[in-house]
Amino acid sequence: MQQDIKAERARLAVLDAERDAELAKLRTFENQQAEAARAVYAASFAVTSKESELVDLRARHAALGLEIAAGLASLEDNLHALYLLGADNGLEGVLSPGGRADKMRVEGYLAQLRASRVDALNRLRVAREDNIRVQHDIEFALEELTRMQLVAESEQASLDGLRVEHEKVVNALEARHSAGEAKVRQMTKDQNSLERTLQKLEQAVAQAEAEARDLAEKKQREAEAAERRQEEETQKRAEQARQA
């Protein structure tokens, strides 16, 4: 019985070690889950930054568009003024030697407007290129975020499944451990009961042995007494025979 109890306790120790190992694995999976959540958060933050940058570039693009529109309107106004100037002086007046100063002034003004227009268009082109680049970056970041979210969701589902499985294993280990403890308690109880029964039997045997010794001693005393009586009777008869 003692050996059985020791074996059960050793088995319980093994179950405890297995349960601790399963719990350690569970903590490792939880750490991996937290790391995946941090990666998703970082990707979301990067996309938010890109979206903010895109908003700024769109605002810049709109401002440049307004600036170019204003420049084009001014160019149209100046062309209209040139038309009026030519209408007032006549085409011959603008092109005549006497109208040379007006012509140079108008051409210089037109050159300035053209340069402003080219500069504005260049800035608009740069803004559009930046806008396209950022849009590509945003699309790439969104694709990366979607991929990471899918991976994170897959990992989350896998981790949830593993957590459920490990909880089942831990619960099974706990149940086996509890059953083992109950078995050990029952075996200990049975051992105690057997020890009490054995003690009672030993007491009964000791009592029976004592009674047997008492009975043997009593019989021996009775036999000795009978033998003495017999001797006394024999001596008495012999004495009576001599007297006769």
C-alpha atoms as a PDB file:
ATOM      1  CA  MET A   1       0.000   0.000   0.000  1.00  0.00           C
ATOM      2  CA  GLN A   2       2.828   2.435   0.868  1.00  0.00           C
ATOM      3  CA  GLN A   3       4.496   1.722  -2.465  1.00  0.00           C
ATOM      4  CA  ASP A   4       1.220   2.372  -4.317  1.00  0.00           C
ATOM      5  CA  ILE A   5       0.793   5.731  -2.584  1.00  0.00           C
ATOM      6  CA  LYS A   6       4.381   6.722  -3.425  1.00  0.00           C
ATOM      7  CA  ALA A   7       3.788   5.770  -7.071  1.00  0.00           C
ATOM      8  CA  GLU A   8       0.597   7.843  -7.219  1.00  0.00           C
ATOM      9  CA  ARG A   9       2.353  10.849  -5.697  1.00  0.00           C
ATOM     10  CA  ALA A  10       5.179  10.522  -8.239  1.00  0.00           C
ATOM     11  CA  ARG A  11       2.594  10.434 -11.026  1.00  0.00           C
ATOM     12  CA  LEU A  12       0.976  13.573  -9.596  1.00  0.00           C
ATOM     13  CA  ALA A  13       4.366  15.326  -9.660  1.00  0.00           C
ATOM     14  CA  VAL A  14       4.729  14.428 -13.359  1.00  0.00           C
ATOM     15  CA  LEU A  15       1.252  15.810 -14.049  1.00  0.00           C
ATOM     16  CA  ASP A  16       2.171  19.044 -12.260  1.00  0.00           C
ATOM     17  CA  ALA A  17       5.270  19.400 -14.452  1.00  0.00           C
ATOM     18  CA  GLU A  18       3.223  18.771 -17.611  1.00  0.00           C
ATOM     19  CA  ARG A  19       0.659  21.360 -16.531  1.00  0.00           C
ATOM     20  CA  ASP A  20       3.389  23.952 -15.859  1.00  0.00           C
ATOM     21  CA  ALA A  21       4.861  23.292 -19.320  1.00  0.00           C
ATOM     22  CA  GLU A  22       1.454  23.765 -20.962  1.00  0.00           C
ATOM     23  CA  LEU A  23       0.922  27.020 -19.055  1.00  0.00           C
ATOM     24  CA  ALA A  24       4.361  28.253 -20.191  1.00  0.00           C
ATOM     25  CA  LYS A  25       3.405  27.506 -23.810  1.00  0.00           C
ATOM     26  CA  LEU A  26       0.166  29.395 -23.291  1.00  0.00           C
ATOM     27  CA  ARG A  27       2.067  32.460 -22.024  1.00  0.00           C
ATOM     28  CA  THR A  28       4.362  32.265 -25.075  1.00  0.00           C
ATOM     29  CA  PHE A  29       1.352  32.295 -27.407  1.00  0.00           C
ATOM     30  CA  GLU A  30      -0.107  35.266 -25.546  1.00  0.00           C
ATOM     31  CA  ASN A  31       3.187  37.163 -26.007  1.00  0.00           C
ATOM     32  CA  GLN A  32       3.103  36.379 -29.738  1.00  0.00           C
ATOM     33  CA  GLN A  33      -0.453  37.669 -29.899  1.00  0.00           C
ATOM     34  CA  ALA A  34       0.546  40.924 -28.182  1.00  0.00           C
ATOM     35  CA  GLU A  35       3.452  41.334 -30.630  1.00  0.00           C
ATOM     36  CA  ALA A  36       1.104  40.852 -33.597  1.00  0.00           C
ATOM     37  CA  ALA A  37      -1.303  43.426 -32.155  1.00  0.00           C
ATOM     38  CA  ARG A  38       1.576  45.917 -31.801  1.00  0.00           C
ATOM     39  CA  ALA A  39       2.558  45.311 -35.443  1.00  0.00           C
ATOM     40  CA  VAL A  40      -1.007  45.994 -36.602  1.00  0.00           C
ATOM     41  CA  TYR A  41      -1.108  49.173 -34.521  1.00  0.00           C
ATOM     42  CA  ALA A  42       2.197  50.357 -36.041  1.00  0.00           C
ATOM     43  CA  ALA A  43       0.895  49.707 -39.566  1.00  0.00           C
ATOM     44  CA  SER A  44      -2.332  51.587 -38.809  1.00  0.00           C
ATOM     45  CA  PHE A  45      -0.323  54.523 -37.457  1.00  0.00           C
ATOM     46  CA  ALA A  46       1.836  54.564 -40.621  1.00  0.00           C
ATOM     47  CA  VAL A  47      -1.258  54.580 -42.835  1.00  0.00           C
ATOM     48  CA  THR A  48      -2.782  57.393 -40.778  1.00  0.00           C
ATOM     49  CA  SER A  49       0.422  59.421 -41.238  1.00  0.00           C
ATOM     50  CA  LYS A  50       0.345  58.774 -44.984  1.00  0.00           C
ATOM     51  CA  GLU A  51      -3.296  59.788 -45.172  1.00  0.00           C
ATOM     52  CA  SER A  52      -2.485  63.025 -43.319  1.00  0.00           C
ATOM     53  CA  GLU A  53       0.358  63.679 -45.758  1.00  0.00           C
ATOM     54  CA  LEU A  54      -2.015  63.036 -48.646  1.00  0.00           C
ATOM     55  CA  VAL A  55      -4.522  65.524 -47.225  1.00  0.00           C
ATOM     56  CA  ASP A  56      -1.778  68.169 -47.012  1.00  0.00           C
ATOM     57  CA  LEU A  57      -0.672  67.501 -50.580  1.00  0.00           C
ATOM     58  CA  ARG A  58      -4.236  67.668 -51.841  1.00  0.00           C
ATOM     59  CA  ALA A  59      -4.653  71.001 -50.094  1.00  0.00           C
ATOM     60  CA  ARG A  60      -1.409  72.177 -51.693  1.00  0.00           C
ATOM     61  CA  HIS A  61      -2.605  70.896 -55.049  1.00  0.00           C
ATOM     62  CA  ALA A  62      -5.891  72.761 -54.687  1.00  0.00           C
ATOM     63  CA  ALA A  63      -4.082  75.968 -53.671  1.00  0.00           C
ATOM     64  CA  LEU A  64      -1.806  75.719 -56.694  1.00  0.00           C
ATOM     65  CA  GLY A  65      -4.827  75.124 -58.884  1.00  0.00           C
ATOM     66  CA  LEU A  66      -6.441  78.294 -57.560  1.00  0.00           C
ATOM     67  CA  GLU A  67      -3.210  80.201 -58.078  1.00  0.00           C
ATOM     68  CA  ILE A  68      -2.910  78.992 -61.663  1.00  0.00           C
ATOM     69  CA  ALA A  69      -6.558  79.760 -62.328  1.00  0.00           C
ATOM     70  CA  ALA A  70      -6.022  83.281 -61.014  1.00  0.00           C
ATOM     71  CA  GLY A  71      -2.917  83.642 -63.195  1.00  0.00           C
ATOM     72  CA  LEU A  72      -4.784  82.440 -66.257  1.00  0.00           C
ATOM     73  CA  ALA A  73      -7.616  84.841 -65.526  1.00  0.00           C
ATOM     74  CA  SER A  74      -5.104  87.654 -65.203  1.00  0.00           C
ATOM     75  CA  LEU A  75      -3.551  86.584 -68.499  1.00  0.00           C
ATOM     76  CA  GLU A  76      -6.939  86.669 -70.145  1.00  0.00           C
ATOM     77  CA  ASP A  77      -7.563  90.140 -68.702  1.00  0.00           C
ATOM     78  CA  ASN A  78      -4.246  91.389 -70.030  1.00  0.00           C
ATOM     79  CA  LEU A  79      -4.885  89.851 -73.426  1.00  0.00           C
ATOM     80  CA  HIS A  80      -8.230  91.584 -73.418  1.00  0.00           C
ATOM     81  CA  ALA A  81      -6.473  94.837 -72.496  1.00  0.00           C
ATOM     82  CA  LEU A  82      -4.061  94.276 -75.365  1.00  0.00           C
ATOM     83  CA  TYR A  83      -7.002  93.730 -77.662  1.00  0.00           C
ATOM     84  CA  LEU A  84      -8.570  96.966 -76.484  1.00  0.00           C
ATOM     85  CA  LEU A  85      -5.236  98.745 -76.871  1.00  0.00           C
ATOM     86  CA  GLY A  86      -4.978  97.499 -80.447  1.00  0.00           C
ATOM     87  CA  ALA A  87      -8.584  98.473 -81.121  1.00  0.00           C
ATOM     88  CA  ASP A  88      -8.039 102.005 -79.803  1.00  0.00           C
ATOM     89  CA  ASN A  89      -4.833 102.635 -81.740  1.00  0.00           C
ATOM     90  CA  GLY A  90      -5.544 100.406 -84.677  1.00  0.00           C
ATOM     91  CA  LEU A  91      -3.388  97.519 -85.686  1.00  0.00           C
ATOM     92  CA  GLU A  92      -1.290  99.853 -87.725  1.00  0.00           C
ATOM     93  CA  GLY A  93      -0.812 102.077 -84.686  1.00  0.00           C
ATOM     94  CA  VAL A  94       0.494  99.222 -82.586  1.00  0.00           C
ATOM     95  CA  LEU A  95       2.838  98.057 -85.313  1.00  0.00           C
ATOM     96  CA  SER A  96       3.789 101.512 -86.555  1.00  0.00           C
ATOM     97  CA  PRO A  97       7.028 103.145 -85.412  1.00  0.00           C
ATOM     98  CA  GLY A  98       4.981 105.503 -83.319  1.00  0.00           C
ATOM     99  CA  GLY A  99       3.342 102.568 -81.525  1.00  0.00           C
ATOM    100  CA  ARG A 100       6.604 100.697 -80.920  1.00  0.00           C
ATOM    101  CA  ALA A 101       6.754 101.667 -77.230  1.00  0.00           C
ATOM    102  CA  ASP A 102       3.288 100.332 -76.573  1.00  0.00           C
ATOM    103  CA  LYS A 103       4.122  97.171 -78.451  1.00  0.00           C
ATOM    104  CA  MET A 104       7.294  96.572 -76.395  1.00  0.00           C
ATOM    105  CA  ARG A 105       5.432  97.262 -73.185  1.00  0.00           C
ATOM    106  CA  VAL A 106       2.715  94.802 -74.137  1.00  0.00           C
ATOM    107  CA  GLU A 107       5.201  92.129 -75.264  1.00  0.00           C
ATOM    108  CA  GLY A 108       7.188  92.492 -72.031  1.00  0.00           C
ATOM    109  CA  TYR A 109       4.035  92.172 -70.008  1.00  0.00           C
ATOM    110  CA  LEU A 110       2.997  89.125 -72.020  1.00  0.00           C
ATOM    111  CA  ALA A 111       6.438  87.533 -71.519  1.00  0.00           C
ATOM    112  CA  GLN A 112       6.124  88.107 -67.784  1.00  0.00           C
ATOM    113  CA  LEU A 113       2.679  86.507 -67.788  1.00  0.00           C
ATOM    114  CA  ARG A 114       3.947  83.557 -69.825  1.00  0.00           C
ATOM    115  CA  ALA A 115       6.848  83.035 -67.391  1.00  0.00           C
ATOM    116  CA  SER A 116       4.451  83.184 -64.446  1.00  0.00           C
ATOM    117  CA  ARG A 117       2.171  80.732 -66.185  1.00  0.00           C
ATOM    118  CA  VAL A 118       5.048  78.323 -66.924  1.00  0.00           C
ATOM    119  CA  ASP A 119       6.242  78.569 -63.318  1.00  0.00           C
ATOM    120  CA  ALA A 120       2.761  77.911 -61.994  1.00  0.00           C
ATOM    121  CA  LEU A 121       2.323  74.966 -64.357  1.00  0.00           C
ATOM    122  CA  ASN A 122       5.689  73.536 -63.270  1.00  0.00           C
ATOM    123  CA  ARG A 123       4.703  73.817 -59.635  1.00  0.00           C
ATOM    124  CA  LEU A 124       1.385  72.197 -60.443  1.00  0.00           C
ATOM    125  CA  ARG A 125       3.191  69.357 -62.256  1.00  0.00           C
ATOM    126  CA  VAL A 126       5.497  68.819 -59.260  1.00  0.00           C
ATOM    127  CA  ALA A 127       2.518  68.832 -56.916  1.00  0.00           C
ATOM    128  CA  ARG A 128       0.713  66.316 -59.116  1.00  0.00           C
ATOM    129  CA  GLU A 129       3.792  64.064 -59.212  1.00  0.00           C
ATOM    130  CA  ASP A 130       4.088  64.305 -55.424  1.00  0.00           C
ATOM    131  CA  ASN A 131       0.398  63.576 -55.145  1.00  0.00           C
ATOM    132  CA  ILE A 132       0.702  60.487 -57.355  1.00  0.00           C
ATOM    133  CA  ARG A 133       3.754  59.302 -55.403  1.00  0.00           C
ATOM    134  CA  VAL A 134       1.969  59.711 -52.087  1.00  0.00           C
ATOM    135  CA  GLN A 135      -1.132  58.019 -53.466  1.00  0.00           C
ATOM    136  CA  HIS A 136       1.047  55.059 -54.475  1.00  0.00           C
ATOM    137  CA  ASP A 137       2.597  55.069 -51.009  1.00  0.00           C
ATOM    138  CA  ILE A 138      -0.872  55.139 -49.449  1.00  0.00           C
ATOM    139  CA  GLU A 139      -2.076  52.301 -51.662  1.00  0.00           C
ATOM    140  CA  PHE A 140       1.015  50.260 -50.793  1.00  0.00           C
ATOM    141  CA  ALA A 141       0.589  51.026 -47.098  1.00  0.00           C
ATOM    142  CA  LEU A 142      -3.093  50.072 -47.278  1.00  0.00           C
ATOM    143  CA  GLU A 143      -2.161  46.812 -49.003  1.00  0.00           C
ATOM    144  CA  GLU A 144       0.443  46.165 -46.312  1.00  0.00           C
ATOM    145  CA  LEU A 145      -2.074  47.010 -43.603  1.00  0.00           C
ATOM    146  CA  THR A 146      -4.674  44.710 -45.139  1.00  0.00           C
ATOM    147  CA  ARG A 147      -2.112  41.922 -45.400  1.00  0.00           C
ATOM    148  CA  MET A 148      -0.951  42.473 -41.823  1.00  0.00           C
ATOM    149  CA  GLN A 149      -4.544  42.597 -40.591  1.00  0.00           C
ATOM    150  CA  LEU A 150      -5.281  39.311 -42.357  1.00  0.00           C
ATOM    151  CA  VAL A 151      -2.134  37.782 -40.891  1.00  0.00           C
ATOM    152  CA  ALA A 152      -3.009  39.179 -37.461  1.00  0.00           C
ATOM    153  CA  GLU A 153      -6.574  37.864 -37.731  1.00  0.00           C
ATOM    154  CA  SER A 154      -5.242  34.476 -38.806  1.00  0.00           C
ATOM    155  CA  GLU A 155      -2.747  34.486 -35.947  1.00  0.00           C
ATOM    156  CA  GLN A 156      -5.484  35.635 -33.576  1.00  0.00           C
ATOM    157  CA  ALA A 157      -7.764  32.814 -34.701  1.00  0.00           C
ATOM    158  CA  SER A 158      -4.897  30.341 -34.453  1.00  0.00           C
ATOM    159  CA  LEU A 159      -3.950  31.622 -31.014  1.00  0.00           C
ATOM    160  CA  ASP A 160      -7.569  31.511 -29.871  1.00  0.00           C
ATOM    161  CA  GLY A 161      -7.791  27.934 -31.090  1.00  0.00           C
ATOM    162  CA  LEU A 162      -4.533  27.054 -29.390  1.00  0.00           C
ATOM    163  CA  ARG A 163      -5.718  28.765 -26.221  1.00  0.00           C
ATOM    164  CA  VAL A 164      -8.902  26.682 -26.267  1.00  0.00           C
ATOM    165  CA  GLU A 165      -6.914  23.501 -26.873  1.00  0.00           C
ATOM    166  CA  HIS A 166      -4.412  24.347 -24.163  1.00  0.00           C
ATOM    167  CA  GLU A 167      -7.197  25.217 -21.747  1.00  0.00           C
ATOM    168  CA  LYS A 168      -8.687  21.812 -22.498  1.00  0.00           C
ATOM    169  CA  VAL A 169      -5.308  20.196 -21.855  1.00  0.00           C
ATOM    170  CA  VAL A 170      -4.853  22.174 -18.642  1.00  0.00           C
ATOM    171  CA  ASN A 171      -8.381  21.324 -17.512  1.00  0.00           C
ATOM    172  CA  ALA A 172      -7.742  17.663 -18.318  1.00  0.00           C
ATOM    173  CA  LEU A 173      -4.489  17.794 -16.390  1.00  0.00           C
ATOM    174  CA  GLU A 174      -6.270  19.485 -13.491  1.00  0.00           C
ATOM    175  CA  ALA A 175      -8.973  16.825 -13.599  1.00  0.00           C
ATOM    176  CA  ARG A 176      -6.381  14.049 -13.713  1.00  0.00           C
ATOM    177  CA  HIS A 177      -4.488  15.750 -10.911  1.00  0.00           C
ATOM    178  CA  SER A 178      -7.651  16.071  -8.817  1.00  0.00           C
ATOM    179  CA  ALA A 179      -8.556  12.450  -9.554  1.00  0.00           C
ATOM    180  CA  GLY A 180      -5.048  11.387  -8.598  1.00  0.00           C
ATOM    181  CA  GLU A 181      -5.222  13.375  -5.383  1.00  0.00           C
ATOM    182  CA  ALA A 182      -8.608  11.843  -4.626  1.00  0.00           C
ATOM    183  CA  LYS A 183      -7.166   8.407  -5.327  1.00  0.00           C
ATOM    184  CA  VAL A 184      -4.205   9.105  -3.060  1.00  0.00           C
ATOM    185  CA  ARG A 185      -6.555  10.338  -0.335  1.00  0.00           C
ATOM    186  CA  GLN A 186      -8.713   7.223  -0.737  1.00  0.00           C
ATOM    187  CA  MET A 187      -5.659   4.970  -0.686  1.00  0.00           C
ATOM    188  CA  THR A 188      -4.369   6.777   2.390  1.00  0.00           C
ATOM    189  CA  LYS A 189      -7.781   6.382   3.999  1.00  0.00           C
ATOM    190  CA  ASP A 190      -7.832   2.692   3.073  1.00  0.00           C
ATOM    191  CA  GLN A 191      -4.328   2.294   4.450  1.00  0.00           C
ATOM    192  CA  ASN A 192      -5.332   3.970   7.701  1.00  0.00           C
ATOM    193  CA  SER A 193      -8.396   1.736   7.888  1.00  0.00           C
ATOM    194  CA  LEU A 194      -6.260  -1.332   7.248  1.00  0.00           C
ATOM    195  CA  GLU A 195      -3.783  -0.204   9.865  1.00  0.00           C
ATOM    196  CA  ARG A 196      -6.610   0.254  12.370  1.00  0.00           C
ATOM    197  CA  THR A 197      -8.009  -3.182  11.462  1.00  0.00           C
ATOM    198  CA  LEU A 198      -4.547  -4.691  11.775  1.00  0.00           C
ATOM    199  CA  GLN A 199      -4.106  -2.987  15.112  1.00  0.00           C
ATOM    200  CA  LYS A 200      -7.432  -4.423  16.283  1.00  0.00           C
ATOM    201  CA  LEU A 201      -6.416  -7.851  15.021  1.00  0.00           C
ATOM    202  CA  GLU A 202      -3.086  -7.575  16.788  1.00  0.00           C
ATOM    203  CA  GLN A 203      -4.904  -6.567  19.956  1.00  0.00           C
ATOM    204  CA  ALA A 204      -7.321  -9.487  19.535  1.00  0.00           C
ATOM    205  CA  VAL A 205      -4.432 -11.886  18.921  1.00  0.00           C
ATOM    206  CA  ALA A 206      -2.594 -10.532  21.945  1.00  0.00           C
ATOM    207  CA  GLN A 207      -5.751 -10.902  24.017  1.00  0.00           C
ATOM    208  CA  ALA A 208      -6.315 -14.442  22.722  1.00  0.00           C
ATOM    209  CA  GLU A 209      -2.702 -15.323  23.431  1.00  0.00           C
ATOM    210  CA  ALA A 210      -3.046 -13.902  26.941  1.00  0.00           C
ATOM    211  CA  GLU A 211      -6.257 -15.862  27.471  1.00  0.00           C
ATOM    212  CA  ALA A 212      -4.580 -19.002  26.132  1.00  0.00           C
ATOM    213  CA  ARG A 213      -1.652 -18.509  28.476  1.00  0.00           C
ATOM    214  CA  ASP A 214      -4.035 -17.943  31.382  1.00  0.00           C
ATOM    215  CA  LEU A 215      -5.983 -21.070  30.446  1.00  0.00           C
ATOM    216  CA  ALA A 216      -2.800 -23.120  30.097  1.00  0.00           C
ATOM    217  CA  GLU A 217      -1.521 -21.858  33.423  1.00  0.00           C
ATOM    218  CA  LYS A 218      -4.894 -22.627  35.008  1.00  0.00           C
ATOM    219  CA  LYS A 219      -4.879 -26.157  33.585  1.00  0.00           C
ATOM    220  CA  GLN A 220      -1.320 -26.609  34.698  1.00  0.00           C
ATOM    221  CA  ARG A 221      -2.225 -25.480  38.197  1.00  0.00           C
ATOM    222  CA  GLU A 222      -5.251 -27.764  38.192  1.00  0.00           C
ATOM    223  CA  ALA A 223      -3.099 -30.668  36.993  1.00  0.00           C
ATOM    224  CA  GLU A 224      -0.501 -29.940  39.632  1.00  0.00           C
ATOM    225  CA  ALA A 225      -3.241 -29.703  42.268  1.00  0.00           C
ATOM    226  CA  ALA A 226      -4.746 -33.008  41.096  1.00  0.00           C
ATOM    227  CA  GLU A 227      -1.317 -34.570  41.149  1.00  0.00           C
ATOM    228  CA  ARG A 228      -0.724 -33.317  44.684  1.00  0.00           C
ATOM    229  CA  ARG A 229      -4.122 -34.610  45.771  1.00  0.00           C
ATOM    230  CA  GLN A 230      -3.317 -37.945  44.196  1.00  0.00           C
ATOM    231  CA  GLU A 231      -0.014 -38.083  46.009  1.00  0.00           C
ATOM    232  CA  GLU A 232      -1.669 -37.081  49.249  1.00  0.00           C
ATOM    233  CA  GLU A 233      -4.341 -39.766  48.749  1.00  0.00           C
ATOM    234  CA  THR A 234      -1.693 -42.370  48.005  1.00  0.00           C
ATOM    235  CA  GLN A 235       0.301 -41.379  51.072  1.00  0.00           C
ATOM    236  CA  LYS A 236      -2.863 -41.463  53.182  1.00  0.00           C
ATOM    237  CA  ARG A 237      -3.704 -45.009  52.020  1.00  0.00           C
ATOM    238  CA  ALA A 238      -0.164 -46.133  52.672  1.00  0.00           C
ATOM    239  CA  GLU A 239      -0.312 -44.653  56.158  1.00  0.00           C
ATOM    240  CA  GLN A 240      -3.643 -46.375  56.821  1.00  0.00           C
ATOM    241  CA  ALA A 241      -2.197 -49.675  55.601  1.00  0.00           C
ATOM    242  CA  ARG A 242       0.755 -49.455  57.993  1.00  0.00           C
ATOM    243  CA  GLN A 243      -1.504 -48.626  60.908  1.00  0.00           C
ATOM    244  CA  ALA A 244      -3.703 -51.637  60.144  1.00  0.00           C
END
